[in-house]
Amino acid sequence: IQAMLAEKQLAPDAVGEVIMGQVLTGGAGQNPARQAALKAGLPVGVPAMTVNKVCGAGQKSIHLAAQAIRCGDADCVIAGGQDSMTSAPHVIHGVRAGIRMGDRTVKDSMITDGLWDAFHQVHMGVTAEALAQRYQITREEQDRFALRSQEKADAAIQAGRFDDEIAPVSIKARQGDVVIERDEHPNPSTTMEGLGRLRPVFD
């Protein structure tokens, strides 16, 4: 939020509302969007709302911001998505009143709240496998798509296509501050042979 304000030369009091999508809110404290807004230096009078529409949370926040502006409720709205899988806590249900006898399972909230279908009780990765089977998408076709995706991502990074879209973030580490300024997942050494050696996670 701070980087965006600086880039657009916006005064903090010009912002009418902050809407942020976040899926993993367990243990994050009340209204994480409000926390982000205040920590970014916005006035306390600027309202903030956290939206959860699972993978569509960030996109939904942008829709809501556009609606607010079109309806005349605000002239300027900051919207986006924020999540930290690293910070997602493990939880134990049913212990608030005490455990008299028996075991309790520790659950990973990253899976329970973000990756687990609450209606069919399956991991979302299983859904991907089901779609691949339904539409007869072979493993080789998936690997070729993955390779091409990696190649395009690396080409875009090398060409500086994301430079204006990523604000550097400084992280405190044992060896000192580390600045994150590019996506970590793209792997330029990816090959079809390497992908073919990977074991399937779900099927």
C-alpha atoms as a PDB file:
ATOM      1  CA  ILE A   1       0.000   0.000   0.000  1.00  0.00           C
ATOM      2  CA  GLN A   2       2.836   2.388   0.859  1.00  0.00           C
ATOM      3  CA  ALA A   3       4.604   1.659  -2.431  1.00  0.00           C
ATOM      4  CA  MET A   4       1.414   2.228  -4.406  1.00  0.00           C
ATOM      5  CA  LEU A   5       0.739   5.546  -2.678  1.00  0.00           C
ATOM      6  CA  ALA A   6       4.290   6.681  -3.408  1.00  0.00           C
ATOM      7  CA  GLU A   7       4.185   5.551  -7.036  1.00  0.00           C
ATOM      8  CA  LYS A   8       0.852   7.242  -7.738  1.00  0.00           C
ATOM      9  CA  GLN A   9       1.753  10.282  -5.600  1.00  0.00           C
ATOM     10  CA  LEU A  10      -1.445   9.893  -3.594  1.00  0.00           C
ATOM     11  CA  ALA A  11      -1.923  11.509  -0.213  1.00  0.00           C
ATOM     12  CA  PRO A  12      -3.082   9.000   2.436  1.00  0.00           C
ATOM     13  CA  ASP A  13      -6.190  11.067   3.158  1.00  0.00           C
ATOM     14  CA  ALA A  14      -7.230  10.811  -0.502  1.00  0.00           C
ATOM     15  CA  VAL A  15      -8.140   7.158   0.036  1.00  0.00           C
ATOM     16  CA  GLY A  16     -11.817   6.554   0.788  1.00  0.00           C
ATOM     17  CA  GLU A  17     -11.652   2.843   1.611  1.00  0.00           C
ATOM     18  CA  VAL A  18      -9.371  -0.193   1.629  1.00  0.00           C
ATOM     19  CA  ILE A  19     -10.640  -3.611   0.502  1.00  0.00           C
ATOM     20  CA  MET A  20      -8.277  -6.574   0.657  1.00  0.00           C
ATOM     21  CA  GLY A  21      -8.941 -10.201  -0.166  1.00  0.00           C
ATOM     22  CA  GLN A  22      -7.468 -12.722   2.260  1.00  0.00           C
ATOM     23  CA  VAL A  23      -8.228 -16.429   2.602  1.00  0.00           C
ATOM     24  CA  LEU A  24      -6.022 -17.451   5.521  1.00  0.00           C
ATOM     25  CA  THR A  25      -7.167 -15.133   8.292  1.00  0.00           C
ATOM     26  CA  GLY A  26      -6.812 -17.590  11.180  1.00  0.00           C
ATOM     27  CA  GLY A  27      -4.495 -16.112  13.795  1.00  0.00           C
ATOM     28  CA  ALA A  28      -3.990 -12.949  11.742  1.00  0.00           C
ATOM     29  CA  GLY A  29      -5.937 -10.758  14.145  1.00  0.00           C
ATOM     30  CA  GLN A  30      -9.050  -8.688  13.619  1.00  0.00           C
ATOM     31  CA  ASN A  31      -9.743  -7.403  10.108  1.00  0.00           C
ATOM     32  CA  PRO A  32      -6.303  -7.860   8.444  1.00  0.00           C
ATOM     33  CA  ALA A  33      -7.194  -5.282   5.788  1.00  0.00           C
ATOM     34  CA  ARG A  34      -7.611  -2.682   8.533  1.00  0.00           C
ATOM     35  CA  GLN A  35      -4.246  -3.650   9.976  1.00  0.00           C
ATOM     36  CA  ALA A  36      -2.595  -3.260   6.579  1.00  0.00           C
ATOM     37  CA  ALA A  37      -4.221   0.132   6.035  1.00  0.00           C
ATOM     38  CA  LEU A  38      -3.130   1.589   9.368  1.00  0.00           C
ATOM     39  CA  LYS A  39       0.377   0.140   9.168  1.00  0.00           C
ATOM     40  CA  ALA A  40       0.694   1.740   5.736  1.00  0.00           C
ATOM     41  CA  GLY A  41       0.019   5.124   7.305  1.00  0.00           C
ATOM     42  CA  LEU A  42      -3.569   5.694   6.234  1.00  0.00           C
ATOM     43  CA  PRO A  43      -5.733   7.813   8.560  1.00  0.00           C
ATOM     44  CA  VAL A  44      -7.760   5.983  11.204  1.00  0.00           C
ATOM     45  CA  GLY A  45     -10.937   7.325   9.590  1.00  0.00           C
ATOM     46  CA  VAL A  46     -10.396   5.294   6.410  1.00  0.00           C
ATOM     47  CA  PRO A  47     -12.600   2.174   6.611  1.00  0.00           C
ATOM     48  CA  ALA A  48     -11.209  -1.202   5.598  1.00  0.00           C
ATOM     49  CA  MET A  49     -12.808  -4.540   4.768  1.00  0.00           C
ATOM     50  CA  THR A  50     -11.342  -8.033   4.443  1.00  0.00           C
ATOM     51  CA  VAL A  51     -12.958 -10.228   1.772  1.00  0.00           C
ATOM     52  CA  ASN A  52     -12.787 -14.021   1.541  1.00  0.00           C
ATOM     53  CA  LYS A  53     -13.855 -15.663  -1.709  1.00  0.00           C
ATOM     54  CA  VAL A  54     -11.081 -18.246  -1.574  1.00  0.00           C
ATOM     55  CA  CYS A  55      -8.951 -18.019  -4.756  1.00  0.00           C
ATOM     56  CA  GLY A  56     -11.147 -15.195  -6.048  1.00  0.00           C
ATOM     57  CA  ALA A  57     -10.767 -13.041  -2.935  1.00  0.00           C
ATOM     58  CA  GLY A  58      -8.348 -10.516  -4.422  1.00  0.00           C
ATOM     59  CA  GLN A  59     -10.337 -10.225  -7.643  1.00  0.00           C
ATOM     60  CA  LYS A  60     -13.570  -9.761  -5.692  1.00  0.00           C
ATOM     61  CA  SER A  61     -12.011  -6.932  -3.701  1.00  0.00           C
ATOM     62  CA  ILE A  62     -11.258  -5.146  -6.979  1.00  0.00           C
ATOM     63  CA  HIS A  63     -14.855  -5.675  -8.127  1.00  0.00           C
ATOM     64  CA  LEU A  64     -16.160  -4.192  -4.876  1.00  0.00           C
ATOM     65  CA  ALA A  65     -13.796  -1.225  -5.175  1.00  0.00           C
ATOM     66  CA  ALA A  66     -14.974  -0.535  -8.724  1.00  0.00           C
ATOM     67  CA  GLN A  67     -18.596  -0.746  -7.598  1.00  0.00           C
ATOM     68  CA  ALA A  68     -17.971   1.692  -4.750  1.00  0.00           C
ATOM     69  CA  ILE A  69     -16.441   4.211  -7.141  1.00  0.00           C
ATOM     70  CA  ARG A  70     -19.157   3.803  -9.785  1.00  0.00           C
ATOM     71  CA  CYS A  71     -21.868   4.179  -7.141  1.00  0.00           C
ATOM     72  CA  GLY A  72     -20.280   7.367  -5.852  1.00  0.00           C
ATOM     73  CA  ASP A  73     -19.476   5.928  -2.428  1.00  0.00           C
ATOM     74  CA  ALA A  74     -15.774   6.755  -2.859  1.00  0.00           C
ATOM     75  CA  ASP A  75     -13.457   8.487  -5.293  1.00  0.00           C
ATOM     76  CA  CYS A  76     -10.381   6.403  -4.493  1.00  0.00           C
ATOM     77  CA  VAL A  77     -10.301   2.829  -3.165  1.00  0.00           C
ATOM     78  CA  ILE A  78      -7.259   0.653  -2.567  1.00  0.00           C
ATOM     79  CA  ALA A  79      -7.983  -2.986  -3.390  1.00  0.00           C
ATOM     80  CA  GLY A  80      -5.971  -6.154  -3.749  1.00  0.00           C
ATOM     81  CA  GLY A  81      -5.104  -9.443  -2.136  1.00  0.00           C
ATOM     82  CA  GLN A  82      -2.861 -10.447   0.739  1.00  0.00           C
ATOM     83  CA  ASP A  83      -2.036 -13.810   2.294  1.00  0.00           C
ATOM     84  CA  SER A  84       0.803 -15.544   4.088  1.00  0.00           C
ATOM     85  CA  MET A  85       0.826 -19.326   3.875  1.00  0.00           C
ATOM     86  CA  THR A  86       3.890 -19.330   6.112  1.00  0.00           C
ATOM     87  CA  SER A  87       1.862 -17.712   8.883  1.00  0.00           C
ATOM     88  CA  ALA A  88      -1.164 -20.028   8.615  1.00  0.00           C
ATOM     89  CA  PRO A  89      -1.493 -21.677  12.051  1.00  0.00           C
ATOM     90  CA  HIS A  90      -2.161 -25.278  12.959  1.00  0.00           C
ATOM     91  CA  VAL A  91      -5.381 -25.609  14.930  1.00  0.00           C
ATOM     92  CA  ILE A  92      -7.081 -28.064  17.278  1.00  0.00           C
ATOM     93  CA  HIS A  93     -10.871 -28.136  17.305  1.00  0.00           C
ATOM     94  CA  GLY A  94     -12.911 -29.083  20.345  1.00  0.00           C
ATOM     95  CA  VAL A  95     -10.444 -28.218  23.102  1.00  0.00           C
ATOM     96  CA  ARG A  96     -11.962 -24.963  24.325  1.00  0.00           C
ATOM     97  CA  ALA A  97     -14.079 -26.775  26.901  1.00  0.00           C
ATOM     98  CA  GLY A  98     -11.295 -29.215  27.750  1.00  0.00           C
ATOM     99  CA  ILE A  99     -10.498 -32.765  26.662  1.00  0.00           C
ATOM    100  CA  ARG A 100     -11.628 -35.429  29.097  1.00  0.00           C
ATOM    101  CA  MET A 101     -10.513 -38.493  27.173  1.00  0.00           C
ATOM    102  CA  GLY A 102      -9.298 -39.347  23.699  1.00  0.00           C
ATOM    103  CA  ASP A 103      -7.106 -37.822  21.025  1.00  0.00           C
ATOM    104  CA  ARG A 104      -7.502 -34.609  19.086  1.00  0.00           C
ATOM    105  CA  THR A 105      -6.160 -33.974  15.597  1.00  0.00           C
ATOM    106  CA  VAL A 106      -3.990 -30.963  14.819  1.00  0.00           C
ATOM    107  CA  LYS A 107      -5.139 -29.510  11.500  1.00  0.00           C
ATOM    108  CA  ASP A 108      -3.239 -27.308   9.072  1.00  0.00           C
ATOM    109  CA  SER A 109      -5.404 -24.234   8.530  1.00  0.00           C
ATOM    110  CA  MET A 110      -3.703 -23.609   5.183  1.00  0.00           C
ATOM    111  CA  ILE A 111      -5.329 -26.804   3.933  1.00  0.00           C
ATOM    112  CA  THR A 112      -8.540 -26.674   5.990  1.00  0.00           C
ATOM    113  CA  ASP A 113      -9.370 -23.040   5.180  1.00  0.00           C
ATOM    114  CA  GLY A 114      -7.714 -22.646   1.808  1.00  0.00           C
ATOM    115  CA  LEU A 115      -7.323 -25.918  -0.060  1.00  0.00           C
ATOM    116  CA  TRP A 116     -10.004 -28.274   1.259  1.00  0.00           C
ATOM    117  CA  ASP A 117     -13.428 -28.576  -0.393  1.00  0.00           C
ATOM    118  CA  ALA A 118     -15.829 -28.179   2.527  1.00  0.00           C
ATOM    119  CA  PHE A 119     -18.691 -29.840   0.631  1.00  0.00           C
ATOM    120  CA  HIS A 120     -17.066 -32.924  -0.890  1.00  0.00           C
ATOM    121  CA  GLN A 121     -14.293 -33.265   1.697  1.00  0.00           C
ATOM    122  CA  VAL A 122     -11.434 -33.524  -0.792  1.00  0.00           C
ATOM    123  CA  HIS A 123      -8.257 -31.549  -1.417  1.00  0.00           C
ATOM    124  CA  MET A 124      -8.554 -29.111  -4.310  1.00  0.00           C
ATOM    125  CA  GLY A 125      -5.650 -30.914  -5.968  1.00  0.00           C
ATOM    126  CA  VAL A 126      -7.947 -33.920  -6.346  1.00  0.00           C
ATOM    127  CA  THR A 127     -10.355 -31.667  -8.248  1.00  0.00           C
ATOM    128  CA  ALA A 128      -7.574 -30.848 -10.711  1.00  0.00           C
ATOM    129  CA  GLU A 129      -6.935 -34.562 -11.233  1.00  0.00           C
ATOM    130  CA  ALA A 130     -10.657 -35.176 -11.786  1.00  0.00           C
ATOM    131  CA  LEU A 131     -10.794 -32.442 -14.437  1.00  0.00           C
ATOM    132  CA  ALA A 132      -7.718 -33.846 -16.166  1.00  0.00           C
ATOM    133  CA  GLN A 133      -9.426 -37.225 -16.370  1.00  0.00           C
ATOM    134  CA  ARG A 134     -12.757 -35.783 -17.511  1.00  0.00           C
ATOM    135  CA  TYR A 135     -11.203 -33.778 -20.325  1.00  0.00           C
ATOM    136  CA  GLN A 136      -8.536 -36.392 -21.108  1.00  0.00           C
ATOM    137  CA  ILE A 137      -5.581 -34.105 -20.467  1.00  0.00           C
ATOM    138  CA  THR A 138      -2.520 -36.330 -20.377  1.00  0.00           C
ATOM    139  CA  ARG A 139       0.452 -35.983 -18.049  1.00  0.00           C
ATOM    140  CA  GLU A 140       2.656 -35.098 -21.021  1.00  0.00           C
ATOM    141  CA  GLU A 141       0.275 -32.324 -22.087  1.00  0.00           C
ATOM    142  CA  GLN A 142       0.303 -30.944 -18.553  1.00  0.00           C
ATOM    143  CA  ASP A 143       4.100 -31.066 -18.433  1.00  0.00           C
ATOM    144  CA  ARG A 144       4.387 -29.268 -21.775  1.00  0.00           C
ATOM    145  CA  PHE A 145       2.012 -26.568 -20.554  1.00  0.00           C
ATOM    146  CA  ALA A 146       4.011 -26.250 -17.324  1.00  0.00           C
ATOM    147  CA  LEU A 147       7.290 -25.978 -19.242  1.00  0.00           C
ATOM    148  CA  ARG A 148       5.901 -23.306 -21.551  1.00  0.00           C
ATOM    149  CA  SER A 149       4.551 -21.414 -18.545  1.00  0.00           C
ATOM    150  CA  GLN A 150       7.983 -21.490 -16.904  1.00  0.00           C
ATOM    151  CA  GLU A 151       9.651 -20.321 -20.113  1.00  0.00           C
ATOM    152  CA  LYS A 152       7.236 -17.417 -20.548  1.00  0.00           C
ATOM    153  CA  ALA A 153       7.584 -16.400 -16.908  1.00  0.00           C
ATOM    154  CA  ASP A 154      11.373 -16.380 -17.135  1.00  0.00           C
ATOM    155  CA  ALA A 155      11.330 -14.435 -20.408  1.00  0.00           C
ATOM    156  CA  ALA A 156       9.005 -11.829 -18.889  1.00  0.00           C
ATOM    157  CA  ILE A 157      11.210 -11.509 -15.796  1.00  0.00           C
ATOM    158  CA  GLN A 158      14.374 -11.113 -17.855  1.00  0.00           C
ATOM    159  CA  ALA A 159      12.657  -8.493 -20.021  1.00  0.00           C
ATOM    160  CA  GLY A 160      11.657  -6.525 -16.938  1.00  0.00           C
ATOM    161  CA  ARG A 161       7.939  -6.910 -17.627  1.00  0.00           C
ATOM    162  CA  PHE A 162       7.144  -7.184 -13.910  1.00  0.00           C
ATOM    163  CA  ASP A 163       9.483  -4.483 -12.640  1.00  0.00           C
ATOM    164  CA  ASP A 164       6.705  -1.902 -12.383  1.00  0.00           C
ATOM    165  CA  GLU A 165       4.302  -4.387 -10.788  1.00  0.00           C
ATOM    166  CA  ILE A 166       6.360  -5.675  -7.858  1.00  0.00           C
ATOM    167  CA  ALA A 167       7.218  -3.479  -4.891  1.00  0.00           C
ATOM    168  CA  PRO A 168      10.402  -4.675  -3.133  1.00  0.00           C
ATOM    169  CA  VAL A 169       9.734  -6.074   0.340  1.00  0.00           C
ATOM    170  CA  SER A 170      12.440  -6.244   3.004  1.00  0.00           C
ATOM    171  CA  ILE A 171      12.376  -9.350   5.221  1.00  0.00           C
ATOM    172  CA  LYS A 172      14.410  -9.697   8.390  1.00  0.00           C
ATOM    173  CA  ALA A 173      16.497 -12.887   8.386  1.00  0.00           C
ATOM    174  CA  ARG A 174      19.361 -14.316  10.438  1.00  0.00           C
ATOM    175  CA  GLN A 175      21.930 -13.198   7.896  1.00  0.00           C
ATOM    176  CA  GLY A 176      20.426  -9.713   7.759  1.00  0.00           C
ATOM    177  CA  ASP A 177      17.667  -8.045   5.797  1.00  0.00           C
ATOM    178  CA  VAL A 178      16.692  -9.812   2.577  1.00  0.00           C
ATOM    179  CA  VAL A 179      14.938  -7.861  -0.169  1.00  0.00           C
ATOM    180  CA  ILE A 180      12.341  -9.767  -2.180  1.00  0.00           C
ATOM    181  CA  GLU A 181      11.842  -8.071  -5.525  1.00  0.00           C
ATOM    182  CA  ARG A 182      10.920 -10.869  -7.912  1.00  0.00           C
ATOM    183  CA  ASP A 183       8.780 -13.994  -7.863  1.00  0.00           C
ATOM    184  CA  GLU A 184      10.616 -16.985  -6.427  1.00  0.00           C
ATOM    185  CA  HIS A 185       8.703 -19.804  -8.124  1.00  0.00           C
ATOM    186  CA  PRO A 186       9.771 -19.479 -11.791  1.00  0.00           C
ATOM    187  CA  ASN A 187      12.591 -21.948 -12.472  1.00  0.00           C
ATOM    188  CA  PRO A 188      14.517 -21.297 -15.711  1.00  0.00           C
ATOM    189  CA  SER A 189      16.218 -24.711 -15.465  1.00  0.00           C
ATOM    190  CA  THR A 190      12.901 -26.552 -15.926  1.00  0.00           C
ATOM    191  CA  THR A 191      12.957 -29.255 -18.626  1.00  0.00           C
ATOM    192  CA  MET A 192      10.493 -31.840 -19.903  1.00  0.00           C
ATOM    193  CA  GLU A 193      12.807 -34.555 -18.616  1.00  0.00           C
ATOM    194  CA  GLY A 194      12.900 -33.000 -15.171  1.00  0.00           C
ATOM    195  CA  LEU A 195       9.136 -32.574 -15.044  1.00  0.00           C
ATOM    196  CA  GLY A 196       8.663 -36.173 -16.157  1.00  0.00           C
ATOM    197  CA  ARG A 197      10.686 -37.400 -13.184  1.00  0.00           C
ATOM    198  CA  LEU A 198       8.416 -35.667 -10.676  1.00  0.00           C
ATOM    199  CA  ARG A 199       6.042 -37.985  -8.855  1.00  0.00           C
ATOM    200  CA  PRO A 200       2.339 -37.036  -8.977  1.00  0.00           C
ATOM    201  CA  VAL A 201       1.151 -35.503  -5.720  1.00  0.00           C
ATOM    202  CA  PHE A 202      -2.479 -36.613  -5.849  1.00  0.00           C
ATOM    203  CA  ASP A 203      -2.795 -39.338  -8.478  1.00  0.00           C
END
